[in-house]
Amino acid sequence: MKLNILIIGDIVGLSGVNKVKETLPKVIKEKEIDFVIANGENSAERYGN
C-alpha cells in the first residue's frame, strides 16, 4: 500500500492561509495526497488563534 503525504512548511499570515485554501484542494486531487501535515503557527498574525 502506498501512502502519499504532503508536508507544508510555515504558513504565514492571512495571505498564506488564503493561498493554501486556494491551492491545496487541487494539489490533493492531482497528486492523490492521503494525508497533509501543515505548520500554521505563524498564520494567526500575533493573535494566537
Protein backbone atom coordinates (compact mmCIF):
# COMPACT_ATOMS: atom_id res chain seq x y z
CA MET A 1 0.00 0.00 0.00
CA LYS A 2 1.30 3.42 -0.97
CA LEU A 3 0.62 6.44 1.26
CA ASN A 4 1.13 9.94 -0.16
CA ILE A 5 1.91 12.55 2.47
CA LEU A 6 2.21 16.28 1.81
CA ILE A 7 4.16 18.35 4.34
CA ILE A 8 3.70 22.11 4.14
CA GLY A 9 6.29 24.36 5.79
CA ASP A 10 5.46 27.61 7.50
CA ILE A 11 2.13 29.21 6.58
CA VAL A 12 2.49 32.91 7.38
CA GLY A 13 -0.37 35.38 7.83
CA LEU A 14 -3.72 35.72 6.15
CA SER A 15 -2.20 35.73 2.66
CA GLY A 16 -0.53 32.37 3.39
CA VAL A 17 -3.76 30.89 4.70
CA ASN A 18 -5.68 32.13 1.67
CA LYS A 19 -3.10 30.67 -0.72
CA VAL A 20 -3.25 27.27 0.99
CA LYS A 21 -7.06 27.30 0.94
CA GLU A 22 -7.00 28.18 -2.77
CA THR A 23 -4.30 25.72 -3.83
CA LEU A 24 -4.49 22.71 -1.52
CA PRO A 25 -7.65 21.00 -2.87
CA LYS A 26 -6.22 20.95 -6.41
CA VAL A 27 -2.85 19.62 -5.24
CA ILE A 28 -4.52 16.91 -3.14
CA LYS A 29 -6.55 15.75 -6.10
CA GLU A 30 -3.77 15.95 -8.71
CA LYS A 31 -1.12 14.25 -6.56
CA GLU A 32 -3.55 11.83 -4.86
CA ILE A 33 -2.50 13.01 -1.39
CA ASP A 34 -3.74 10.86 1.50
CA PHE A 35 -2.53 12.94 4.45
CA VAL A 36 -1.44 16.57 4.93
CA ILE A 37 0.77 17.98 7.68
CA ALA A 38 0.98 21.78 7.81
CA ASN A 39 2.83 24.17 10.09
CA GLY A 40 0.41 27.02 10.67
CA GLU A 41 1.76 28.50 13.90
CA ASN A 42 2.54 31.84 12.22
CA SER A 43 -0.79 32.15 10.46
CA ALA A 44 -2.59 33.90 13.35
CA GLU A 45 -0.79 37.22 12.85
CA ARG A 46 0.11 37.56 16.56
CA TYR A 47 -3.40 36.83 17.84
CA GLY A 48 -2.70 33.25 18.93
CA ASN A 49 -5.92 31.90 17.41
